[in-house]
Amino acid sequence: MKPFDAIFQLPLTRHPHLITFEARRSH
């Protein structure tokens, strides 16, 4: 499983900064 997928499994309100960080890295 990709780290990005693992983060998405967590509540969006729990690590919003991580989601944004990973999303920016993905691009």
PDB file of N, CA and C in Angstrom:
ATOM      1  N   MET A   1       0.839  -1.203   0.000  1.00  0.00           N
ATOM      2  CA  MET A   1       0.000   0.000   0.000  1.00  0.00           C
ATOM      3  C   MET A   1       0.877   1.258   0.000  1.00  0.00           C
ATOM      4  N   LYS A   2       0.483   2.214  -0.788  1.00  0.00           N
ATOM      5  CA  LYS A   2       1.247   3.459  -0.844  1.00  0.00           C
ATOM      6  C   LYS A   2       0.976   4.307   0.402  1.00  0.00           C
ATOM      7  N   PRO A   3       1.968   5.062   0.869  1.00  0.00           N
ATOM      8  CA  PRO A   3       1.791   5.956   2.018  1.00  0.00           C
ATOM      9  C   PRO A   3       0.615   6.897   1.810  1.00  0.00           C
ATOM     10  N   PHE A   4       0.445   7.342   0.552  1.00  0.00           N
ATOM     11  CA  PHE A   4      -0.647   8.261   0.225  1.00  0.00           C
ATOM     12  C   PHE A   4      -1.996   7.611   0.502  1.00  0.00           C
ATOM     13  N   ASP A   5      -2.119   6.333   0.141  1.00  0.00           N
ATOM     14  CA  ASP A   5      -3.371   5.596   0.374  1.00  0.00           C
ATOM     15  C   ASP A   5      -3.605   5.417   1.873  1.00  0.00           C
ATOM     16  N   ALA A   6      -2.525   5.155   2.596  1.00  0.00           N
ATOM     17  CA  ALA A   6      -2.629   4.952   4.042  1.00  0.00           C
ATOM     18  C   ALA A   6      -3.120   6.216   4.727  1.00  0.00           C
ATOM     19  N   ILE A   7      -2.611   7.365   4.278  1.00  0.00           N
ATOM     20  CA  ILE A   7      -3.032   8.647   4.850  1.00  0.00           C
ATOM     21  C   ILE A   7      -4.498   8.902   4.553  1.00  0.00           C
ATOM     22  N   PHE A   8      -4.934   8.537   3.358  1.00  0.00           N
ATOM     23  CA  PHE A   8      -6.330   8.776   2.986  1.00  0.00           C
ATOM     24  C   PHE A   8      -7.287   7.924   3.814  1.00  0.00           C
ATOM     25  N   GLN A   9      -6.791   6.820   4.362  1.00  0.00           N
ATOM     26  CA  GLN A   9      -7.638   5.971   5.196  1.00  0.00           C
ATOM     27  C   GLN A   9      -7.899   6.617   6.553  1.00  0.00           C
ATOM     28  N   LEU A  10      -7.030   7.561   6.940  1.00  0.00           N
ATOM     29  CA  LEU A  10      -7.215   8.266   8.205  1.00  0.00           C
ATOM     30  C   LEU A  10      -8.254   9.361   8.035  1.00  0.00           C
ATOM     31  N   PRO A  11      -8.871   9.789   9.133  1.00  0.00           N
ATOM     32  CA  PRO A  11      -9.831  10.893   9.089  1.00  0.00           C
ATOM     33  C   PRO A  11      -9.173  12.129   8.494  1.00  0.00           C
ATOM     34  N   LEU A  12      -9.869  12.774   7.564  1.00  0.00           N
ATOM     35  CA  LEU A  12      -9.301  13.941   6.897  1.00  0.00           C
ATOM     36  C   LEU A  12      -9.003  15.059   7.886  1.00  0.00           C
ATOM     37  N   THR A  13      -9.716  15.076   8.995  1.00  0.00           N
ATOM     38  CA  THR A  13      -9.538  16.137   9.981  1.00  0.00           C
ATOM     39  C   THR A  13      -8.377  15.832  10.921  1.00  0.00           C
ATOM     40  N   ARG A  14      -7.840  14.619  10.805  1.00  0.00           N
ATOM     41  CA  ARG A  14      -6.764  14.217  11.718  1.00  0.00           C
ATOM     42  C   ARG A  14      -5.402  14.701  11.232  1.00  0.00           C
ATOM     43  N   HIS A  15      -5.140  14.531   9.928  1.00  0.00           N
ATOM     44  CA  HIS A  15      -3.849  14.948   9.385  1.00  0.00           C
ATOM     45  C   HIS A  15      -4.025  15.717   8.086  1.00  0.00           C
ATOM     46  N   PRO A  16      -4.750  16.843   8.128  1.00  0.00           N
ATOM     47  CA  PRO A  16      -4.988  17.628   6.915  1.00  0.00           C
ATOM     48  C   PRO A  16      -3.683  18.146   6.324  1.00  0.00           C
ATOM     49  N   HIS A  17      -2.713  18.442   7.188  1.00  0.00           N
ATOM     50  CA  HIS A  17      -1.441  18.971   6.720  1.00  0.00           C
ATOM     51  C   HIS A  17      -0.632  17.887   6.013  1.00  0.00           C
ATOM     52  N   LEU A  18      -0.754  16.646   6.501  1.00  0.00           N
ATOM     53  CA  LEU A  18      -0.037  15.543   5.874  1.00  0.00           C
ATOM     54  C   LEU A  18      -0.617  15.228   4.506  1.00  0.00           C
ATOM     55  N   ILE A  19      -1.945  15.301   4.400  1.00  0.00           N
ATOM     56  CA  ILE A  19      -2.604  15.033   3.127  1.00  0.00           C
ATOM     57  C   ILE A  19      -2.162  16.055   2.090  1.00  0.00           C
ATOM     58  N   THR A  20      -2.125  17.312   2.507  1.00  0.00           N
ATOM     59  CA  THR A  20      -1.701  18.385   1.604  1.00  0.00           C
ATOM     60  C   THR A  20      -0.242  18.190   1.222  1.00  0.00           C
ATOM     61  N   PHE A  21       0.579  17.816   2.208  1.00  0.00           N
ATOM     62  CA  PHE A  21       2.004  17.618   1.985  1.00  0.00           C
ATOM     63  C   PHE A  21       2.248  16.494   0.986  1.00  0.00           C
ATOM     64  N   GLU A  22       1.584  15.371   1.194  1.00  0.00           N
ATOM     65  CA  GLU A  22       1.733  14.222   0.306  1.00  0.00           C
ATOM     66  C   GLU A  22       1.186  14.524  -1.084  1.00  0.00           C
ATOM     67  N   ALA A  23       0.080  15.259  -1.122  1.00  0.00           N
ATOM     68  CA  ALA A  23      -0.538  15.605  -2.400  1.00  0.00           C
ATOM     69  C   ALA A  23       0.409  16.483  -3.214  1.00  0.00           C
ATOM     70  N   ARG A  24       1.086  17.408  -2.534  1.00  0.00           N
ATOM     71  CA  ARG A  24       2.012  18.306  -3.224  1.00  0.00           C
ATOM     72  C   ARG A  24       3.234  17.536  -3.699  1.00  0.00           C
ATOM     73  N   ARG A  25       3.669  16.547  -2.911  1.00  0.00           N
ATOM     74  CA  ARG A  25       4.814  15.722  -3.301  1.00  0.00           C
ATOM     75  C   ARG A  25       4.447  14.840  -4.487  1.00  0.00           C
ATOM     76  N   SER A  26       3.198  14.385  -4.495  1.00  0.00           N
ATOM     77  CA  SER A  26       2.723  13.504  -5.553  1.00  0.00           C
ATOM     78  C   SER A  26       2.794  14.197  -6.908  1.00  0.00           C
ATOM     79  N   HIS A  27       2.535  15.483  -6.885  1.00  0.00           N
ATOM     80  CA  HIS A  27       2.586  16.261  -8.117  1.00  0.00           C
ATOM     81  C   HIS A  27       4.008  16.761  -8.324  1.00  0.00           C
TER      82      HIS A  27
END
